[in-house]
N, C-alpha and C. Protein backbone atom coordinates (compact mmCIF):
# COMPACT_ATOMS: atom_id res chain seq x y z
N MET A 1 0.85 -1.17 0.00
CA MET A 1 0.00 0.00 0.00
C MET A 1 0.89 1.23 0.00
N VAL A 2 0.62 2.12 -0.87
CA VAL A 2 1.37 3.36 -0.93
C VAL A 2 0.95 4.23 0.24
N ALA A 3 1.93 4.84 0.87
CA ALA A 3 1.64 5.73 1.99
C ALA A 3 0.95 6.98 1.48
N THR A 4 0.06 7.49 2.29
CA THR A 4 -0.54 8.78 2.01
C THR A 4 -0.12 9.74 3.11
N ALA A 5 -0.16 11.00 2.80
CA ALA A 5 0.17 12.03 3.79
C ALA A 5 -1.12 12.74 4.17
N LYS A 6 -1.56 12.51 5.41
CA LYS A 6 -2.80 13.13 5.86
C LYS A 6 -2.48 14.43 6.58
N PRO A 7 -3.13 15.54 6.18
CA PRO A 7 -2.90 16.80 6.89
C PRO A 7 -3.48 16.73 8.29
N ILE A 8 -2.71 17.16 9.28
CA ILE A 8 -3.21 17.16 10.67
C ILE A 8 -3.18 18.56 11.29
N ALA A 9 -2.50 19.48 10.63
CA ALA A 9 -2.44 20.88 11.06
C ALA A 9 -1.86 21.66 9.89
N PRO A 10 -1.90 22.98 9.93
CA PRO A 10 -1.29 23.74 8.84
C PRO A 10 0.19 23.37 8.67
N GLN A 11 0.56 23.01 7.46
CA GLN A 11 1.91 22.62 7.09
C GLN A 11 2.45 21.44 7.90
N ARG A 12 1.55 20.56 8.35
CA ARG A 12 1.95 19.38 9.12
C ARG A 12 1.15 18.19 8.59
N TYR A 13 1.87 17.06 8.32
CA TYR A 13 1.26 15.88 7.72
C TYR A 13 1.73 14.64 8.45
N ARG A 14 0.88 13.62 8.46
CA ARG A 14 1.25 12.35 9.08
C ARG A 14 1.14 11.25 8.03
N GLU A 15 2.20 10.43 7.94
CA GLU A 15 2.20 9.29 7.04
C GLU A 15 1.13 8.31 7.48
N SER A 16 0.39 7.77 6.52
CA SER A 16 -0.69 6.85 6.83
C SER A 16 -0.67 5.69 5.84
N TYR A 17 -0.81 4.49 6.37
CA TYR A 17 -0.88 3.28 5.55
C TYR A 17 -2.22 2.60 5.77
N GLY A 18 -2.56 1.74 4.86
CA GLY A 18 -3.74 0.90 5.04
C GLY A 18 -4.94 1.38 4.25
N ARG A 19 -5.96 0.57 4.32
CA ARG A 19 -7.19 0.86 3.58
C ARG A 19 -8.37 1.01 4.54
N GLU A 20 -9.26 1.88 4.14
CA GLU A 20 -10.53 2.01 4.82
C GLU A 20 -11.56 1.20 4.03
N TYR A 21 -12.72 1.00 4.59
CA TYR A 21 -13.75 0.14 4.00
C TYR A 21 -14.01 0.46 2.52
N GLU A 22 -14.10 1.73 2.20
CA GLU A 22 -14.44 2.13 0.84
C GLU A 22 -13.34 1.79 -0.18
N ASP A 23 -12.14 1.54 0.30
CA ASP A 23 -11.01 1.24 -0.59
C ASP A 23 -10.99 -0.22 -1.06
N PHE A 24 -11.75 -1.08 -0.44
CA PHE A 24 -11.79 -2.50 -0.81
C PHE A 24 -12.83 -2.74 -1.89
N GLU A 25 -12.47 -3.49 -2.92
CA GLU A 25 -13.41 -3.89 -3.97
C GLU A 25 -13.28 -5.40 -4.16
N VAL A 26 -14.41 -6.09 -4.14
CA VAL A 26 -14.41 -7.54 -4.33
C VAL A 26 -13.72 -7.87 -5.65
N GLY A 27 -12.80 -8.83 -5.60
CA GLY A 27 -12.06 -9.25 -6.78
C GLY A 27 -10.69 -8.59 -6.90
N ASP A 28 -10.46 -7.49 -6.18
CA ASP A 28 -9.14 -6.86 -6.23
C ASP A 28 -8.10 -7.80 -5.61
N VAL A 29 -6.89 -7.78 -6.17
CA VAL A 29 -5.78 -8.58 -5.66
C VAL A 29 -4.64 -7.62 -5.34
N TYR A 30 -4.10 -7.73 -4.12
CA TYR A 30 -2.99 -6.90 -3.68
C TYR A 30 -1.75 -7.79 -3.58
N GLU A 31 -0.71 -7.44 -4.34
CA GLU A 31 0.56 -8.16 -4.24
C GLU A 31 1.39 -7.49 -3.15
N HIS A 32 1.77 -8.25 -2.16
CA HIS A 32 2.49 -7.70 -1.00
C HIS A 32 4.00 -7.78 -1.24
N ARG A 33 4.65 -6.66 -1.12
CA ARG A 33 6.09 -6.57 -1.28
C ARG A 33 6.65 -5.68 -0.19
N PRO A 34 7.88 -5.87 0.23
CA PRO A 34 8.86 -6.78 -0.33
C PRO A 34 8.63 -8.21 0.14
N GLY A 35 9.36 -9.12 -0.48
CA GLY A 35 9.35 -10.51 -0.05
C GLY A 35 10.25 -10.67 1.17
N ARG A 36 10.38 -11.92 1.61
CA ARG A 36 11.19 -12.19 2.80
C ARG A 36 11.91 -13.52 2.61
N THR A 37 13.25 -13.48 2.68
CA THR A 37 14.04 -14.70 2.62
C THR A 37 14.22 -15.22 4.03
N ILE A 38 13.89 -16.49 4.25
CA ILE A 38 13.93 -17.09 5.58
C ILE A 38 15.34 -17.54 5.92
N SER A 39 15.81 -17.12 7.08
CA SER A 39 17.15 -17.52 7.55
C SER A 39 17.03 -18.64 8.59
N GLU A 40 18.16 -19.28 8.83
CA GLU A 40 18.20 -20.31 9.87
C GLU A 40 17.89 -19.70 11.23
N THR A 41 18.40 -18.50 11.46
CA THR A 41 18.16 -17.81 12.73
C THR A 41 16.68 -17.54 12.93
N ASP A 42 16.00 -17.06 11.87
CA ASP A 42 14.55 -16.82 11.97
C ASP A 42 13.84 -18.08 12.47
N ASN A 43 14.14 -19.20 11.82
CA ASN A 43 13.46 -20.45 12.12
C ASN A 43 13.80 -20.96 13.52
N THR A 44 15.08 -20.92 13.88
CA THR A 44 15.49 -21.42 15.20
C THR A 44 14.89 -20.58 16.31
N TRP A 45 15.01 -19.27 16.21
CA TRP A 45 14.48 -18.41 17.27
C TRP A 45 12.98 -18.56 17.42
N PHE A 46 12.26 -18.56 16.30
CA PHE A 46 10.81 -18.68 16.37
C PHE A 46 10.41 -20.02 16.98
N THR A 47 11.07 -21.07 16.56
CA THR A 47 10.77 -22.41 17.06
C THR A 47 11.01 -22.50 18.57
N LEU A 48 12.12 -21.96 19.03
CA LEU A 48 12.41 -21.99 20.46
C LEU A 48 11.48 -21.07 21.24
N LEU A 49 11.21 -19.88 20.70
CA LEU A 49 10.33 -18.92 21.37
C LEU A 49 8.94 -19.50 21.59
N THR A 50 8.46 -20.26 20.62
CA THR A 50 7.11 -20.82 20.71
C THR A 50 7.08 -22.20 21.34
N MET A 51 8.23 -22.68 21.82
CA MET A 51 8.35 -23.95 22.53
C MET A 51 7.94 -25.15 21.68
N ASN A 52 8.14 -25.04 20.37
CA ASN A 52 7.85 -26.15 19.48
C ASN A 52 9.08 -27.06 19.50
N GLY A 53 8.96 -28.20 20.12
CA GLY A 53 10.09 -29.09 20.29
C GLY A 53 10.31 -30.12 19.19
N HIS A 54 9.62 -29.98 18.07
CA HIS A 54 9.79 -30.98 17.01
C HIS A 54 11.17 -30.81 16.37
N PRO A 55 11.99 -31.85 16.38
CA PRO A 55 13.36 -31.74 15.87
C PRO A 55 13.45 -31.47 14.36
N LEU A 56 12.38 -31.67 13.63
CA LEU A 56 12.39 -31.39 12.20
C LEU A 56 12.68 -29.91 11.92
N HIS A 57 12.42 -29.06 12.93
CA HIS A 57 12.59 -27.61 12.74
C HIS A 57 13.97 -27.09 13.16
N PHE A 58 14.77 -27.91 13.88
CA PHE A 58 16.05 -27.36 14.35
C PHE A 58 17.19 -28.37 14.49
N ASP A 59 16.95 -29.64 14.19
CA ASP A 59 17.98 -30.67 14.30
C ASP A 59 18.31 -31.18 12.90
N ALA A 60 19.40 -30.67 12.33
CA ALA A 60 19.76 -30.99 10.94
C ALA A 60 20.00 -32.48 10.74
N ALA A 61 20.62 -33.16 11.71
CA ALA A 61 20.87 -34.60 11.57
C ALA A 61 19.55 -35.38 11.54
N TYR A 62 18.63 -35.03 12.42
CA TYR A 62 17.31 -35.67 12.43
C TYR A 62 16.60 -35.40 11.10
N ALA A 63 16.57 -34.13 10.69
CA ALA A 63 15.85 -33.73 9.48
C ALA A 63 16.43 -34.40 8.23
N ALA A 64 17.74 -34.67 8.24
CA ALA A 64 18.38 -35.33 7.09
C ALA A 64 17.79 -36.71 6.84
N HIS A 65 17.24 -37.34 7.86
CA HIS A 65 16.65 -38.67 7.72
C HIS A 65 15.15 -38.63 7.45
N SER A 66 14.59 -37.43 7.38
CA SER A 66 13.17 -37.29 7.08
C SER A 66 12.95 -37.32 5.57
N GLU A 67 11.71 -37.35 5.15
CA GLU A 67 11.42 -37.34 3.71
C GLU A 67 11.85 -36.05 3.04
N PHE A 68 12.08 -34.99 3.83
CA PHE A 68 12.49 -33.70 3.27
C PHE A 68 14.01 -33.59 3.12
N GLY A 69 14.75 -34.38 3.91
CA GLY A 69 16.20 -34.39 3.82
C GLY A 69 16.91 -33.19 4.42
N ARG A 70 16.14 -32.30 5.00
CA ARG A 70 16.72 -31.11 5.63
C ARG A 70 15.70 -30.47 6.56
N VAL A 71 16.15 -29.49 7.32
CA VAL A 71 15.29 -28.79 8.26
C VAL A 71 14.13 -28.11 7.51
N VAL A 72 12.94 -28.23 8.05
CA VAL A 72 11.74 -27.59 7.51
C VAL A 72 11.41 -26.39 8.40
N VAL A 73 11.13 -25.26 7.77
CA VAL A 73 10.77 -24.06 8.52
C VAL A 73 9.43 -24.28 9.23
N ASN A 74 9.36 -23.85 10.46
CA ASN A 74 8.16 -23.94 11.29
C ASN A 74 7.00 -23.25 10.56
N SER A 75 5.91 -23.98 10.35
CA SER A 75 4.78 -23.42 9.59
C SER A 75 4.10 -22.26 10.30
N CYS A 76 4.20 -22.20 11.62
CA CYS A 76 3.63 -21.04 12.32
C CYS A 76 4.44 -19.78 12.01
N LEU A 77 5.74 -19.94 11.76
CA LEU A 77 6.57 -18.81 11.35
C LEU A 77 6.15 -18.34 9.96
N THR A 78 5.97 -19.27 9.03
CA THR A 78 5.57 -18.84 7.68
C THR A 78 4.19 -18.19 7.70
N LEU A 79 3.27 -18.71 8.51
CA LEU A 79 1.95 -18.08 8.65
C LEU A 79 2.10 -16.66 9.18
N SER A 80 2.93 -16.48 10.19
CA SER A 80 3.12 -15.15 10.77
C SER A 80 3.73 -14.18 9.77
N ILE A 81 4.71 -14.64 9.00
CA ILE A 81 5.35 -13.77 8.02
C ILE A 81 4.38 -13.40 6.91
N VAL A 82 3.65 -14.36 6.38
CA VAL A 82 2.71 -14.07 5.30
C VAL A 82 1.59 -13.15 5.79
N ALA A 83 1.07 -13.41 6.97
CA ALA A 83 0.05 -12.51 7.53
C ALA A 83 0.63 -11.11 7.71
N GLY A 84 1.84 -11.03 8.21
CA GLY A 84 2.48 -9.74 8.40
C GLY A 84 2.68 -8.99 7.10
N MET A 85 3.02 -9.71 6.02
CA MET A 85 3.18 -9.08 4.71
C MET A 85 1.90 -8.40 4.25
N SER A 86 0.76 -8.94 4.66
CA SER A 86 -0.53 -8.42 4.20
C SER A 86 -1.04 -7.23 4.99
N VAL A 87 -0.43 -6.94 6.11
CA VAL A 87 -0.98 -5.92 7.01
C VAL A 87 -1.12 -4.56 6.35
N SER A 88 -0.08 -4.06 5.68
CA SER A 88 -0.17 -2.69 5.16
C SER A 88 -1.28 -2.54 4.12
N ASP A 89 -1.62 -3.60 3.41
CA ASP A 89 -2.70 -3.54 2.42
C ASP A 89 -4.07 -3.90 2.99
N VAL A 90 -4.11 -4.84 3.92
CA VAL A 90 -5.39 -5.39 4.36
C VAL A 90 -5.84 -4.88 5.72
N SER A 91 -4.95 -4.84 6.69
CA SER A 91 -5.43 -4.61 8.05
C SER A 91 -4.67 -3.54 8.84
N GLN A 92 -3.92 -2.69 8.18
CA GLN A 92 -3.18 -1.63 8.88
C GLN A 92 -4.11 -0.73 9.68
N LYS A 93 -5.31 -0.50 9.19
CA LYS A 93 -6.28 0.35 9.89
C LYS A 93 -7.35 -0.47 10.63
N ALA A 94 -7.22 -1.79 10.64
CA ALA A 94 -8.27 -2.65 11.21
C ALA A 94 -8.54 -2.36 12.68
N ILE A 95 -9.79 -2.55 13.04
CA ILE A 95 -10.20 -2.48 14.43
C ILE A 95 -9.96 -3.84 15.08
N ALA A 96 -10.22 -4.91 14.30
CA ALA A 96 -10.03 -6.26 14.82
C ALA A 96 -10.01 -7.28 13.70
N ASN A 97 -9.25 -8.36 13.90
CA ASN A 97 -9.41 -9.56 13.10
C ASN A 97 -10.60 -10.29 13.68
N LEU A 98 -11.55 -10.67 12.85
CA LEU A 98 -12.76 -11.34 13.34
C LEU A 98 -12.68 -12.85 13.22
N GLY A 99 -11.79 -13.33 12.36
CA GLY A 99 -11.67 -14.78 12.24
C GLY A 99 -10.69 -15.17 11.16
N TRP A 100 -10.15 -16.37 11.31
CA TRP A 100 -9.23 -16.98 10.36
C TRP A 100 -9.80 -18.35 10.03
N THR A 101 -9.85 -18.70 8.75
CA THR A 101 -10.36 -20.01 8.37
C THR A 101 -9.54 -20.58 7.23
N ASP A 102 -9.74 -21.84 6.99
CA ASP A 102 -9.19 -22.53 5.82
C ASP A 102 -7.69 -22.32 5.64
N ILE A 103 -6.94 -22.44 6.73
CA ILE A 103 -5.48 -22.35 6.62
C ILE A 103 -5.00 -23.65 5.98
N ARG A 104 -4.33 -23.52 4.84
CA ARG A 104 -3.83 -24.66 4.08
C ARG A 104 -2.32 -24.55 3.95
N LEU A 105 -1.62 -25.61 4.28
CA LEU A 105 -0.16 -25.68 4.16
C LEU A 105 0.11 -26.68 3.04
N THR A 106 0.43 -26.18 1.86
CA THR A 106 0.46 -27.03 0.66
C THR A 106 1.84 -27.43 0.19
N ALA A 107 2.90 -26.85 0.76
CA ALA A 107 4.27 -27.23 0.39
C ALA A 107 5.19 -26.82 1.52
N PRO A 108 6.27 -27.56 1.74
CA PRO A 108 7.20 -27.18 2.80
C PRO A 108 8.00 -25.93 2.41
N VAL A 109 8.45 -25.23 3.45
CA VAL A 109 9.33 -24.07 3.27
C VAL A 109 10.65 -24.42 3.94
N PHE A 110 11.75 -24.06 3.27
CA PHE A 110 13.09 -24.37 3.78
C PHE A 110 13.87 -23.08 4.00
N VAL A 111 14.87 -23.17 4.87
CA VAL A 111 15.78 -22.05 5.07
C VAL A 111 16.34 -21.66 3.71
N GLY A 112 16.36 -20.37 3.44
CA GLY A 112 16.84 -19.86 2.16
C GLY A 112 15.74 -19.57 1.16
N ASP A 113 14.53 -20.09 1.39
CA ASP A 113 13.41 -19.78 0.49
C ASP A 113 13.01 -18.32 0.67
N THR A 114 12.66 -17.68 -0.44
CA THR A 114 12.13 -16.32 -0.41
C THR A 114 10.63 -16.40 -0.60
N LEU A 115 9.90 -15.75 0.30
CA LEU A 115 8.44 -15.82 0.32
C LEU A 115 7.83 -14.51 -0.16
N TYR A 116 6.74 -14.65 -0.90
CA TYR A 116 5.93 -13.52 -1.33
C TYR A 116 4.48 -13.84 -1.01
N ALA A 117 3.62 -12.84 -1.02
CA ALA A 117 2.21 -13.08 -0.72
C ALA A 117 1.33 -12.14 -1.53
N GLU A 118 0.09 -12.56 -1.68
CA GLU A 118 -0.92 -11.71 -2.29
C GLU A 118 -2.26 -12.00 -1.63
N SER A 119 -3.12 -10.99 -1.62
CA SER A 119 -4.44 -11.14 -1.02
C SER A 119 -5.52 -10.73 -2.01
N GLU A 120 -6.60 -11.52 -2.05
CA GLU A 120 -7.75 -11.21 -2.89
C GLU A 120 -8.94 -10.87 -2.00
N VAL A 121 -9.64 -9.80 -2.34
CA VAL A 121 -10.84 -9.41 -1.60
C VAL A 121 -11.97 -10.34 -2.04
N LEU A 122 -12.52 -11.10 -1.08
CA LEU A 122 -13.59 -12.06 -1.38
C LEU A 122 -14.98 -11.47 -1.18
N ALA A 123 -15.14 -10.64 -0.15
CA ALA A 123 -16.46 -10.10 0.18
C ALA A 123 -16.29 -8.87 1.07
N LYS A 124 -17.31 -8.03 1.07
CA LYS A 124 -17.35 -6.90 2.00
C LYS A 124 -18.81 -6.57 2.27
N ARG A 125 -19.05 -6.07 3.48
CA ARG A 125 -20.41 -5.67 3.85
C ARG A 125 -20.33 -4.65 4.97
N ASP A 126 -21.36 -3.84 5.08
CA ASP A 126 -21.44 -2.92 6.20
C ASP A 126 -21.61 -3.72 7.48
N SER A 127 -21.05 -3.23 8.57
CA SER A 127 -21.26 -3.87 9.86
C SER A 127 -22.71 -3.66 10.28
N ALA A 128 -23.34 -4.73 10.77
CA ALA A 128 -24.74 -4.64 11.20
C ALA A 128 -24.90 -3.82 12.47
N LYS A 129 -23.86 -3.79 13.32
CA LYS A 129 -23.97 -3.12 14.62
C LYS A 129 -23.14 -1.85 14.73
N ARG A 130 -22.24 -1.63 13.81
CA ARG A 130 -21.33 -0.49 13.89
C ARG A 130 -21.41 0.31 12.60
N PRO A 131 -22.18 1.39 12.59
CA PRO A 131 -22.44 2.12 11.34
C PRO A 131 -21.20 2.75 10.70
N HIS A 132 -20.14 2.95 11.42
CA HIS A 132 -18.94 3.58 10.88
C HIS A 132 -17.85 2.56 10.53
N GLN A 133 -18.27 1.29 10.43
CA GLN A 133 -17.30 0.24 10.16
C GLN A 133 -17.88 -0.77 9.17
N GLY A 134 -16.99 -1.56 8.57
CA GLY A 134 -17.40 -2.60 7.63
C GLY A 134 -16.59 -3.86 7.84
N VAL A 135 -17.08 -4.95 7.29
CA VAL A 135 -16.44 -6.26 7.41
C VAL A 135 -15.92 -6.66 6.03
N VAL A 136 -14.64 -7.01 5.98
CA VAL A 136 -13.99 -7.39 4.72
C VAL A 136 -13.41 -8.79 4.89
N SER A 137 -13.63 -9.65 3.90
CA SER A 137 -13.06 -11.00 3.90
C SER A 137 -12.06 -11.10 2.75
N ILE A 138 -10.90 -11.67 3.05
CA ILE A 138 -9.84 -11.80 2.06
C ILE A 138 -9.26 -13.21 2.08
N ARG A 139 -8.66 -13.61 0.97
CA ARG A 139 -7.87 -14.85 0.92
C ARG A 139 -6.44 -14.44 0.62
N THR A 140 -5.52 -14.88 1.46
CA THR A 140 -4.11 -14.59 1.26
C THR A 140 -3.40 -15.87 0.85
N THR A 141 -2.55 -15.74 -0.16
CA THR A 141 -1.79 -16.88 -0.69
C THR A 141 -0.31 -16.57 -0.57
N GLY A 142 0.46 -17.53 -0.04
CA GLY A 142 1.90 -17.40 0.04
C GLY A 142 2.55 -18.21 -1.07
N ARG A 143 3.51 -17.60 -1.75
CA ARG A 143 4.25 -18.28 -2.83
C ARG A 143 5.74 -18.12 -2.60
N LYS A 144 6.48 -19.16 -2.97
CA LYS A 144 7.94 -19.06 -2.98
C LYS A 144 8.34 -18.29 -4.24
N ALA A 145 9.60 -17.86 -4.27
CA ALA A 145 10.10 -17.09 -5.42
C ALA A 145 9.94 -17.87 -6.73
N ASP A 146 9.95 -19.20 -6.66
CA ASP A 146 9.80 -20.00 -7.88
C ASP A 146 8.34 -20.20 -8.29
N GLY A 147 7.41 -19.58 -7.55
CA GLY A 147 5.99 -19.67 -7.87
C GLY A 147 5.22 -20.73 -7.12
N THR A 148 5.89 -21.60 -6.39
CA THR A 148 5.23 -22.66 -5.64
C THR A 148 4.34 -22.07 -4.54
N VAL A 149 3.06 -22.42 -4.56
CA VAL A 149 2.15 -22.00 -3.49
C VAL A 149 2.42 -22.90 -2.29
N PHE A 150 2.73 -22.30 -1.15
CA PHE A 150 3.00 -23.09 0.05
C PHE A 150 1.95 -22.89 1.13
N MET A 151 1.08 -21.90 0.97
CA MET A 151 0.11 -21.61 2.02
C MET A 151 -1.02 -20.75 1.48
N SER A 152 -2.20 -20.92 2.06
CA SER A 152 -3.30 -19.98 1.84
C SER A 152 -4.17 -19.98 3.09
N PHE A 153 -4.85 -18.87 3.28
CA PHE A 153 -5.80 -18.77 4.39
C PHE A 153 -6.80 -17.67 4.08
N GLU A 154 -7.94 -17.72 4.78
CA GLU A 154 -8.94 -16.67 4.67
C GLU A 154 -9.03 -15.95 6.00
N ARG A 155 -9.28 -14.67 5.92
CA ARG A 155 -9.32 -13.83 7.12
C ARG A 155 -10.43 -12.81 6.96
N THR A 156 -11.14 -12.54 8.03
CA THR A 156 -12.19 -11.53 8.05
C THR A 156 -11.77 -10.44 9.02
N VAL A 157 -11.89 -9.19 8.55
CA VAL A 157 -11.36 -8.04 9.28
C VAL A 157 -12.44 -6.97 9.41
N LEU A 158 -12.51 -6.35 10.58
CA LEU A 158 -13.39 -5.21 10.81
C LEU A 158 -12.58 -3.95 10.57
N VAL A 159 -13.01 -3.13 9.61
CA VAL A 159 -12.25 -1.93 9.25
C VAL A 159 -13.14 -0.69 9.33
N PRO A 160 -12.52 0.46 9.59
CA PRO A 160 -13.31 1.69 9.68
C PRO A 160 -13.71 2.20 8.30
N LYS A 161 -14.80 2.93 8.27
CA LYS A 161 -15.16 3.65 7.05
C LYS A 161 -14.36 4.95 7.01
N ARG A 162 -14.30 5.54 5.82
CA ARG A 162 -13.53 6.75 5.61
C ARG A 162 -13.96 7.84 6.60
N GLY A 163 -12.96 8.44 7.22
CA GLY A 163 -13.22 9.51 8.18
C GLY A 163 -13.36 9.03 9.61
N PHE A 164 -13.29 7.71 9.83
CA PHE A 164 -13.51 7.17 11.18
C PHE A 164 -12.37 6.31 11.69
N SER A 165 -11.20 6.38 11.06
CA SER A 165 -10.07 5.60 11.55
C SER A 165 -9.29 6.41 12.58
N VAL A 166 -8.47 5.72 13.34
CA VAL A 166 -7.61 6.41 14.32
C VAL A 166 -6.73 7.44 13.61
N ASP A 167 -6.30 7.13 12.37
CA ASP A 167 -5.47 8.05 11.62
C ASP A 167 -6.14 9.39 11.37
N ASP A 168 -7.48 9.42 11.45
CA ASP A 168 -8.20 10.66 11.21
C ASP A 168 -8.22 11.57 12.44
N LYS A 169 -7.64 11.11 13.52
CA LYS A 169 -7.59 11.91 14.75
C LYS A 169 -6.21 12.53 14.89
N ALA A 170 -6.13 13.82 15.02
CA ALA A 170 -4.84 14.51 15.08
C ALA A 170 -4.20 14.40 16.46
N GLU A 171 -4.92 13.90 17.45
CA GLU A 171 -4.42 13.91 18.82
C GLU A 171 -3.30 12.91 19.10
N TYR A 172 -3.22 11.87 18.35
CA TYR A 172 -2.22 10.85 18.73
C TYR A 172 -0.88 11.12 18.10
């Protein structure tokens, strides 16, 4: 998402990212950049931080005997990175994530793989209870640099309508 400069006072502007409800159109696809190359450190730290003790994620000798022949990146790390890539386009202004569904892990990710993501707007509707907000549903797909799809998921987000986001308040 390209940054916009919102005026907050005479000759004073604040950088703003993200989309408001009116900016989403069903069928639009947002390509998220930059990509992210996964390092061994990323995988090891995330695996240890989350207390995932499966040796496939950090024991090279063990992983060498698996069907993959090498360490596999923790799928929760790839989910976190792909979701994070989508934030500036999908949920930078969100009030809340309302739900995640249909998380699919379709190919392994290895140290050294470069990941990219894109999100498609599936649906949008006005919030039934919040007149200044709307509900947007998206599908995000993660691809390796070679085009291999390794992940997809759907997410529903509550977003403000134009003029009602926190960015529209000069006080913060």
